[in-house]
N, C-alpha and C. Protein backbone atom coordinates (compact mmCIF):
# COMPACT_ATOMS: atom_id res chain seq x y z
N MET A 1 126.29 76.85 86.91
CA MET A 1 124.64 76.14 87.68
C MET A 1 123.88 76.12 85.79
N SER A 2 123.33 74.96 85.44
CA SER A 2 122.50 74.90 84.38
C SER A 2 121.17 75.71 84.73
N LEU A 3 120.54 75.58 83.40
CA LEU A 3 118.99 76.54 83.45
C LEU A 3 118.21 75.97 84.07
N GLN A 4 118.18 74.48 84.22
CA GLN A 4 117.00 73.64 85.13
C GLN A 4 117.42 73.95 86.49
N LYS A 5 118.86 73.89 86.79
CA LYS A 5 118.86 74.21 88.82
C LYS A 5 118.23 75.96 89.06
N PHE A 6 118.96 76.76 87.84
CA PHE A 6 118.30 77.95 87.87
C PHE A 6 117.01 78.38 88.66
N MET A 7 116.02 77.77 87.35
CA MET A 7 114.78 77.86 87.52
C MET A 7 114.12 77.69 88.26
N ALA A 8 114.36 75.74 88.86
CA ALA A 8 114.11 75.21 90.06
C ALA A 8 114.24 76.15 91.30
N ASN A 9 115.70 76.78 91.23
CA ASN A 9 115.66 77.82 92.26
C ASN A 9 115.05 78.64 92.12
N ASN A 10 114.51 79.62 91.27
CA ASN A 10 113.58 80.42 91.57
C ASN A 10 112.28 80.38 91.79
N ALA A 11 111.93 78.92 90.88
CA ALA A 11 110.38 78.39 91.36
C ALA A 11 110.32 78.05 93.07
N ASN A 12 111.43 77.65 93.32
CA ASN A 12 111.33 77.37 94.87
C ASN A 12 111.13 78.54 95.49
N TYR A 13 111.96 79.36 95.26
CA TYR A 13 112.09 80.87 95.77
C TYR A 13 110.65 81.29 95.86
N HIS A 14 109.60 81.52 94.73
CA HIS A 14 108.82 82.44 94.30
C HIS A 14 107.79 81.51 95.56
N ALA A 15 107.99 79.93 95.68
CA ALA A 15 107.35 79.49 96.98
C ALA A 15 107.44 80.07 98.30
N TRP A 16 108.61 79.97 98.60
CA TRP A 16 109.08 80.42 99.69
C TRP A 16 108.70 82.01 99.81
N ALA A 17 108.69 82.57 99.07
CA ALA A 17 108.34 84.19 99.03
C ALA A 17 106.65 84.04 99.36
N THR A 18 106.12 83.15 98.69
CA THR A 18 104.66 83.35 98.90
C THR A 18 104.02 82.82 100.39
N GLN A 19 105.10 82.01 100.73
CA GLN A 19 104.82 81.54 102.08
C GLN A 19 104.89 82.90 103.03
N LYS A 20 106.61 82.70 103.00
CA LYS A 20 106.33 83.99 103.94
C LYS A 20 105.45 85.11 103.91
N PHE A 21 104.92 85.28 102.92
CA PHE A 21 103.88 86.53 102.57
C PHE A 21 102.43 86.08 103.34
N ILE A 22 101.81 84.74 103.22
CA ILE A 22 100.68 83.91 103.78
C ILE A 22 101.36 84.16 105.11
N ASP A 23 102.43 83.35 105.73
CA ASP A 23 102.87 83.57 107.05
C ASP A 23 102.09 85.02 107.53
N TRP A 24 102.92 86.15 106.95
CA TRP A 24 102.79 87.15 107.39
C TRP A 24 101.48 87.50 107.22
N LEU A 25 100.74 87.83 106.27
CA LEU A 25 99.66 88.47 106.67
C LEU A 25 98.42 87.77 107.45
N SER A 26 98.44 86.46 107.38
CA SER A 26 97.56 85.36 107.93
C SER A 26 97.25 86.03 109.45
N SER A 27 98.47 86.55 110.13
CA SER A 27 98.60 86.90 111.43
C SER A 27 97.81 88.53 111.83
N LYS A 28 97.43 88.78 110.27
CA LYS A 28 96.70 90.27 110.53
C LYS A 28 95.65 89.90 110.58
N PRO A 29 94.51 91.34 111.20
CA PRO A 29 93.29 90.96 110.96
C PRO A 29 92.25 91.21 109.72
N ASP A 30 91.38 90.44 109.71
CA ASP A 30 90.87 90.77 107.91
C ASP A 30 90.74 92.27 107.80
N GLU A 31 90.37 92.72 108.56
CA GLU A 31 89.70 94.18 108.49
C GLU A 31 90.86 94.86 107.75
N LEU A 32 92.10 94.78 108.23
CA LEU A 32 93.23 95.84 107.49
C LEU A 32 93.31 95.03 106.14
N LEU A 33 93.02 93.78 106.24
CA LEU A 33 93.18 92.93 104.86
C LEU A 33 92.47 93.27 103.48
N TYR A 34 91.28 93.95 103.83
CA TYR A 34 90.31 94.01 103.08
C TYR A 34 90.04 95.17 103.17
N GLN A 35 90.80 96.38 103.95
CA GLN A 35 90.90 98.15 103.78
C GLN A 35 91.26 98.59 102.29
N GLU A 36 90.37 99.61 101.98
CA GLU A 36 90.34 99.80 100.96
C GLU A 36 91.47 100.99 100.65
N VAL A 37 92.58 101.16 100.09
CA VAL A 37 93.38 102.27 99.47
C VAL A 37 93.86 102.36 98.17
N PRO A 38 94.21 103.99 97.83
CA PRO A 38 94.36 103.96 96.21
C PRO A 38 95.02 103.03 95.99
N SER A 39 95.40 102.09 95.15
CA SER A 39 96.15 101.44 94.43
C SER A 39 95.68 100.74 93.26
N SER A 40 96.24 99.90 92.39
CA SER A 40 96.23 98.71 91.53
C SER A 40 95.07 98.19 91.87
N PHE A 41 95.33 97.85 92.70
CA PHE A 41 94.18 96.63 93.23
C PHE A 41 93.91 97.31 94.67
N ASN A 42 92.73 97.81 94.85
CA ASN A 42 92.86 98.74 96.32
C ASN A 42 92.69 97.92 97.63
N SER A 43 93.34 96.91 97.98
CA SER A 43 93.11 96.47 98.90
C SER A 43 94.21 95.10 98.86
N ILE A 44 94.81 94.71 100.15
CA ILE A 44 95.70 93.61 100.43
C ILE A 44 94.79 92.49 99.61
N ILE A 45 93.84 92.05 99.84
CA ILE A 45 93.32 90.96 99.37
C ILE A 45 93.12 90.95 98.22
N LYS A 46 92.56 91.72 97.21
CA LYS A 46 92.45 92.08 96.02
C LYS A 46 93.66 91.88 95.26
N THR A 47 94.57 92.31 96.28
CA THR A 47 95.89 92.46 95.17
C THR A 47 96.17 90.79 95.83
N LEU A 48 96.54 89.84 96.48
CA LEU A 48 96.59 88.25 96.67
C LEU A 48 96.03 87.89 95.72
N ASN A 49 94.51 88.32 95.86
CA ASN A 49 93.62 87.41 94.67
C ASN A 49 94.42 87.46 93.18
N HIS A 50 95.02 88.71 92.66
CA HIS A 50 94.91 88.81 91.17
C HIS A 50 96.58 87.93 91.45
N ILE A 51 97.33 88.26 92.15
CA ILE A 51 98.43 87.65 92.49
C ILE A 51 98.18 85.66 91.95
N TRP A 52 97.40 85.11 92.54
CA TRP A 52 96.51 83.89 92.73
C TRP A 52 96.06 83.50 91.25
N ALA A 53 95.50 84.19 90.84
CA ALA A 53 94.74 84.37 88.95
C ALA A 53 96.41 84.03 88.31
N THR A 54 96.94 85.26 88.56
CA THR A 54 97.89 85.43 87.44
C THR A 54 98.71 84.16 87.51
N ASP A 55 99.57 84.00 88.96
CA ASP A 55 99.94 82.62 88.81
C ASP A 55 99.26 81.42 88.02
N ALA A 56 98.16 81.21 88.59
CA ALA A 56 97.51 80.22 87.84
C ALA A 56 97.57 80.50 86.06
N TYR A 57 97.05 81.48 85.94
CA TYR A 57 97.24 81.73 84.24
C TYR A 57 98.39 81.46 83.79
N TRP A 58 99.99 81.51 84.54
CA TRP A 58 100.91 81.29 83.82
C TRP A 58 101.26 80.26 83.50
N TYR A 59 100.77 79.42 85.30
CA TYR A 59 100.76 78.11 85.30
C TYR A 59 100.53 77.11 84.38
N SER A 60 98.98 77.78 83.56
CA SER A 60 98.64 76.87 82.29
C SER A 60 99.46 76.95 81.55
N ILE A 61 99.98 77.80 81.43
CA ILE A 61 100.79 78.27 79.56
C ILE A 61 101.67 77.27 80.03
N ILE A 62 102.56 77.31 81.07
CA ILE A 62 103.78 76.73 81.02
C ILE A 62 103.53 74.85 81.06
N ALA A 63 102.50 74.46 82.15
CA ALA A 63 102.17 73.50 81.39
C ALA A 63 101.58 72.93 80.87
N GLU A 64 101.00 73.88 79.80
CA GLU A 64 100.54 74.00 78.81
C GLU A 64 98.92 73.08 78.82
N THR A 65 98.26 73.53 79.83
CA THR A 65 96.92 72.99 80.01
C THR A 65 95.92 74.48 79.97
N SER A 66 94.65 73.67 79.79
CA SER A 66 93.54 75.19 79.72
C SER A 66 92.66 75.11 81.32
N ASN A 67 93.30 74.28 81.99
CA ASN A 67 92.71 74.11 83.37
C ASN A 67 92.75 75.08 84.25
N VAL A 68 91.96 76.23 83.82
CA VAL A 68 92.77 77.30 85.07
C VAL A 68 91.29 78.07 85.58
N GLU A 69 91.14 78.17 86.17
CA GLU A 69 89.80 78.80 87.20
C GLU A 69 90.69 80.27 86.66
N ASN A 70 89.12 81.18 86.47
CA ASN A 70 89.26 82.49 86.33
C ASN A 70 89.19 83.68 87.79
N ARG A 71 89.97 83.63 88.32
CA ARG A 71 90.04 84.57 90.12
C ARG A 71 89.57 85.54 89.74
N SER A 72 89.74 86.85 88.51
CA SER A 72 89.75 87.87 88.31
C SER A 72 87.94 87.95 87.99
N GLU A 73 87.16 87.06 88.48
CA GLU A 73 85.87 87.11 88.37
C GLU A 73 84.89 87.08 89.62
N VAL A 74 86.19 85.94 90.42
CA VAL A 74 85.84 85.90 91.79
C VAL A 74 85.30 87.61 92.68
N THR A 75 84.29 87.57 93.10
CA THR A 75 84.31 88.83 94.29
C THR A 75 83.48 88.26 95.63
N ASP A 76 83.64 87.23 95.76
CA ASP A 76 83.55 87.04 97.43
C ASP A 76 85.11 86.59 98.05
N LEU A 77 86.03 87.27 98.45
CA LEU A 77 87.37 86.83 98.62
C LEU A 77 87.59 86.59 100.08
N ILE A 78 87.76 85.49 100.31
CA ILE A 78 87.89 84.89 101.81
C ILE A 78 89.63 84.78 101.91
N SER A 79 89.78 85.04 103.02
CA SER A 79 91.60 85.38 103.13
C SER A 79 92.34 83.85 103.03
N LYS A 80 91.12 82.80 104.19
CA LYS A 80 91.76 81.53 104.24
C LYS A 80 92.37 80.61 102.79
N GLU A 81 90.39 81.28 102.14
CA GLU A 81 91.24 80.49 100.74
C GLU A 81 91.80 80.99 99.95
N ILE A 82 92.14 81.93 99.85
CA ILE A 82 92.99 83.01 98.99
C ILE A 82 94.67 82.30 99.36
N PHE A 83 95.03 81.96 100.71
CA PHE A 83 95.97 82.17 101.30
C PHE A 83 96.52 80.47 100.88
N GLU A 84 95.47 79.75 101.08
CA GLU A 84 95.68 78.38 100.72
C GLU A 84 95.83 78.05 99.59
N GLY A 85 95.08 78.62 98.30
CA GLY A 85 95.12 78.41 96.93
C GLY A 85 96.22 79.32 96.49
N MET A 86 96.90 80.30 96.87
CA MET A 86 97.99 80.75 96.61
C MET A 86 99.14 79.66 97.06
N ALA A 87 99.35 79.08 98.34
CA ALA A 87 100.15 78.16 98.62
C ALA A 87 100.33 77.29 97.55
N HIS A 88 99.47 76.51 97.74
CA HIS A 88 98.84 75.75 96.96
C HIS A 88 99.29 75.57 95.00
N ARG A 89 98.90 76.96 94.41
CA ARG A 89 99.63 76.92 93.21
C ARG A 89 101.00 77.16 92.97
N ALA A 90 101.67 78.02 94.69
CA ALA A 90 103.17 78.24 94.11
C ALA A 90 103.90 76.82 93.98
N ASN A 91 103.45 75.67 95.11
CA ASN A 91 103.80 74.92 95.25
C ASN A 91 103.84 73.84 93.95
N GLU A 92 102.70 74.27 93.49
CA GLU A 92 102.19 73.21 91.91
C GLU A 92 103.54 73.68 91.22
N ILE A 93 103.65 75.22 90.95
CA ILE A 93 104.66 75.67 90.19
C ILE A 93 105.53 74.96 90.34
N SER A 94 106.42 75.53 91.01
CA SER A 94 107.42 74.51 92.05
C SER A 94 108.00 72.99 91.34
N LYS A 95 107.03 72.64 91.99
CA LYS A 95 107.09 70.88 91.17
C LYS A 95 106.90 70.58 90.10
N LEU A 96 106.20 71.19 89.11
CA LEU A 96 106.14 71.51 87.61
C LEU A 96 107.58 71.52 87.17
N ILE A 97 108.01 72.68 87.47
CA ILE A 97 109.67 73.15 87.29
C ILE A 97 110.31 72.50 87.45
N ILE A 98 110.81 71.75 88.56
CA ILE A 98 111.48 70.80 89.14
C ILE A 98 111.51 69.57 87.97
N SER A 99 110.05 68.95 87.63
CA SER A 99 110.51 67.83 86.95
C SER A 99 110.54 68.45 85.63
N TYR A 100 110.92 69.55 85.13
CA TYR A 100 111.19 69.59 83.89
C TYR A 100 112.77 69.71 83.39
N SER A 101 113.03 69.37 82.62
CA SER A 101 114.45 68.88 81.50
C SER A 101 115.01 70.75 81.30
N GLU A 102 115.87 70.25 81.21
CA GLU A 102 116.50 71.69 80.41
C GLU A 102 116.05 72.00 78.70
N LYS A 103 115.53 71.03 78.16
CA LYS A 103 114.57 70.55 77.04
C LYS A 103 112.95 70.77 77.05
N GLU A 104 112.71 70.57 78.38
CA GLU A 104 111.38 71.01 78.51
C GLU A 104 111.40 72.40 78.57
N LEU A 105 112.33 72.93 79.65
CA LEU A 105 111.88 74.77 80.03
C LEU A 105 112.00 75.18 79.03
N SER A 106 113.08 74.76 77.79
CA SER A 106 113.29 75.47 76.94
C SER A 106 112.21 75.50 75.84
N LYS A 107 111.19 74.74 75.33
CA LYS A 107 110.13 74.81 74.38
C LYS A 107 109.57 75.39 74.60
N THR A 108 109.16 76.30 73.50
CA THR A 108 108.73 77.24 72.90
C THR A 108 107.21 77.42 73.11
N VAL A 109 106.42 78.47 74.01
CA VAL A 109 104.54 78.02 73.52
C VAL A 109 104.11 79.05 73.43
N LYS A 110 103.28 79.03 72.04
CA LYS A 110 102.80 80.36 71.44
C LYS A 110 101.40 80.87 72.63
N ILE A 111 101.59 81.76 72.43
CA ILE A 111 100.38 82.55 73.24
C ILE A 111 99.38 83.60 72.24
N GLU A 112 98.27 83.89 72.27
CA GLU A 112 97.64 84.57 71.28
C GLU A 112 96.43 85.03 72.09
N THR A 113 96.43 86.42 72.79
CA THR A 113 95.16 86.67 73.36
C THR A 113 94.67 88.21 72.91
N PRO A 114 93.97 88.54 73.48
CA PRO A 114 93.54 90.30 72.84
C PRO A 114 94.37 90.67 73.59
N TRP A 115 95.49 90.84 73.95
CA TRP A 115 96.06 91.94 74.64
C TRP A 115 98.01 91.85 74.39
N PHE A 116 97.79 90.44 73.63
CA PHE A 116 99.45 90.53 73.59
C PHE A 116 99.36 89.07 72.78
N LYS A 117 100.71 88.83 71.95
CA LYS A 117 100.94 87.43 71.14
C LYS A 117 101.92 87.49 71.12
N CYS A 118 103.24 86.06 71.73
CA CYS A 118 104.57 85.71 71.84
C CYS A 118 104.70 84.32 71.62
N ASP A 119 105.66 84.15 71.56
CA ASP A 119 106.65 82.73 71.41
C ASP A 119 107.87 82.70 71.98
N LEU A 120 107.48 82.32 73.26
CA LEU A 120 108.39 82.33 73.83
C LEU A 120 108.79 80.82 74.66
N PRO A 121 109.89 80.54 75.25
CA PRO A 121 110.38 79.24 75.75
C PRO A 121 109.52 79.14 77.16
N LYS A 122 109.24 78.10 77.89
CA LYS A 122 108.43 78.04 79.10
C LYS A 122 109.44 78.92 80.47
N TYR A 123 110.58 79.00 80.28
CA TYR A 123 111.64 79.36 81.44
C TYR A 123 110.97 80.84 81.81
N GLU A 124 111.25 81.93 80.17
CA GLU A 124 110.85 83.30 80.02
C GLU A 124 109.20 83.48 80.68
N TYR A 125 108.31 82.48 80.37
CA TYR A 125 106.68 82.79 81.44
C TYR A 125 107.23 82.35 82.94
N LEU A 126 108.04 81.68 83.33
CA LEU A 126 108.42 81.15 84.86
C LEU A 126 108.78 82.50 85.19
N GLN A 127 109.59 83.55 84.70
CA GLN A 127 110.43 84.30 85.03
C GLN A 127 109.22 85.90 84.83
N GLN A 128 108.31 85.95 84.07
CA GLN A 128 107.41 86.95 84.14
C GLN A 128 106.86 86.39 85.50
N LEU A 129 105.80 85.22 85.99
CA LEU A 129 105.31 84.95 86.36
C LEU A 129 106.13 85.21 87.99
N ILE A 130 107.18 85.16 88.17
CA ILE A 130 107.81 85.61 89.29
C ILE A 130 108.08 86.88 89.45
N ASN A 131 108.36 87.72 88.29
CA ASN A 131 108.61 88.99 88.23
C ASN A 131 107.39 89.83 88.89
N HIS A 132 105.91 89.10 88.03
CA HIS A 132 104.80 89.57 88.55
C HIS A 132 104.61 89.45 89.85
N ALA A 133 104.58 88.44 90.64
CA ALA A 133 104.25 88.47 92.16
C ALA A 133 105.58 88.97 92.81
N THR A 134 106.55 89.56 92.30
CA THR A 134 107.36 90.37 92.93
C THR A 134 106.94 91.89 93.25
N TYR A 135 106.71 91.76 91.94
CA TYR A 135 105.76 93.81 91.95
C TYR A 135 104.58 93.73 92.73
N HIS A 136 103.88 92.50 93.22
CA HIS A 136 102.89 92.91 93.55
C HIS A 136 102.95 92.19 95.20
N ARG A 137 103.86 92.10 95.41
CA ARG A 137 104.16 91.98 96.87
C ARG A 137 104.46 93.39 97.06
N GLY A 138 105.57 93.78 96.60
CA GLY A 138 105.85 95.03 96.57
C GLY A 138 104.71 96.15 97.09
N GLN A 139 103.83 95.77 96.23
CA GLN A 139 102.60 96.76 96.58
C GLN A 139 102.04 96.50 97.90
N ILE A 140 101.79 95.51 97.92
CA ILE A 140 101.46 94.89 99.40
C ILE A 140 101.69 95.75 100.66
N VAL A 141 103.57 95.43 100.16
CA VAL A 141 103.60 95.82 101.37
C VAL A 141 103.71 97.84 101.40
N THR A 142 103.53 98.17 100.27
CA THR A 142 103.03 99.54 100.09
C THR A 142 101.58 100.10 100.82
N ILE A 143 100.54 99.08 100.74
CA ILE A 143 99.39 99.23 101.03
C ILE A 143 99.53 99.27 102.74
N GLY A 144 100.25 98.09 103.11
CA GLY A 144 100.74 97.46 104.23
C GLY A 144 100.76 99.30 105.21
N ARG A 145 101.97 99.53 104.72
CA ARG A 145 102.70 100.83 105.64
C ARG A 145 101.51 101.69 105.31
N ASN A 146 100.78 101.85 104.15
CA ASN A 146 99.38 102.78 104.82
C ASN A 146 98.45 102.68 105.61
N ILE A 147 98.18 101.42 106.05
CA ILE A 147 97.34 101.44 106.93
C ILE A 147 97.71 100.66 107.84
N GLY A 148 99.00 101.01 108.73
CA GLY A 148 100.00 100.54 109.64
C GLY A 148 100.49 99.26 109.98
N ILE A 149 100.36 98.39 109.03
CA ILE A 149 100.99 97.02 109.15
C ILE A 149 102.58 97.81 108.41
N THR A 150 103.62 97.43 109.34
CA THR A 150 104.85 97.91 109.28
C THR A 150 106.13 96.62 109.20
N ASP A 151 105.55 95.30 109.76
CA ASP A 151 106.56 94.45 110.06
C ASP A 151 106.63 93.26 108.75
N GLY A 152 106.80 93.59 107.91
CA GLY A 152 106.82 93.05 106.38
C GLY A 152 108.01 92.13 106.50
N SER A 153 107.96 91.19 106.01
CA SER A 153 108.98 90.10 105.50
C SER A 153 109.93 90.29 104.51
N ASN A 154 111.08 90.13 104.47
CA ASN A 154 111.94 90.05 103.62
C ASN A 154 111.96 89.42 102.61
N THR A 155 111.90 89.65 101.96
CA THR A 155 111.17 88.26 100.51
C THR A 155 112.51 88.19 99.32
N ASP A 156 113.24 89.58 99.01
CA ASP A 156 113.95 89.31 98.23
C ASP A 156 114.53 88.39 97.58
N TYR A 157 115.34 88.07 96.85
CA TYR A 157 115.88 86.71 96.07
C TYR A 157 117.23 86.54 96.53
N ASN A 158 118.00 87.22 96.96
CA ASN A 158 119.19 86.76 97.47
C ASN A 158 118.81 86.86 99.16
N PHE A 159 117.82 86.99 100.25
CA PHE A 159 117.91 87.08 101.12
C PHE A 159 117.40 85.50 101.12
N TYR A 160 116.68 84.93 100.14
CA TYR A 160 115.93 83.78 100.30
C TYR A 160 117.28 82.67 99.58
N ASN A 161 118.44 82.95 98.98
CA ASN A 161 119.29 82.16 98.85
C ASN A 161 120.23 82.43 99.90
N VAL A 162 120.10 83.56 100.97
CA VAL A 162 121.01 83.25 101.75
C VAL A 162 120.35 82.48 102.96
N CYS A 163 119.51 82.59 102.96
CA CYS A 163 118.30 81.68 104.14
C CYS A 163 118.77 80.20 104.09
N LYS A 164 118.29 79.71 102.66
CA LYS A 164 118.83 78.58 101.99
C LYS A 164 120.03 78.10 102.52
N LEU A 165 121.20 78.52 102.43
CA LEU A 165 122.39 78.50 102.83
C LEU A 165 122.99 78.25 104.14
N GLN A 166 122.16 78.96 104.80
CA GLN A 166 121.97 79.20 106.44
C GLN A 166 121.83 77.45 106.69
N MET A 167 120.61 76.79 106.01
CA MET A 167 120.23 75.94 106.36
C MET A 167 120.70 74.37 105.96
N HIS A 168 121.52 74.84 105.47
CA HIS A 168 122.21 73.69 104.82
C HIS A 168 123.59 73.36 105.21
């Protein structure tokens, strides 16, 4: 499998996993999504907002654009808006990666922030974006279990690939 096909599959996985979580959580009462518990982001809704904000940041790096909303400053968190924004961003990431050639995916992009400096290929940043969202989806499952939501979706990468094969 080529780098382009592999990264496109990963981007499609990210969009799929994002949608699975949205479908799962949108059926839950808002009071559960906003219920605070000890965690790095102390509610499901704050964790979702963080995923959306970070997806937007990494998208701006991969797309080499500075047009990124700073979601970390938003305090009025509305679940419907977050669900729609997350789905839109994940689909935009997927479309972008599908449009890229291997050469574009391999292009290095320099980042200099107060927190880190690096100069890596775009495909490495996409992998960071996906790993980051996966990590926080795991946190959401744990938060959910702590507040009584125990019917979480399986969003493992392998499960995605198996489901995709069964659909063809």
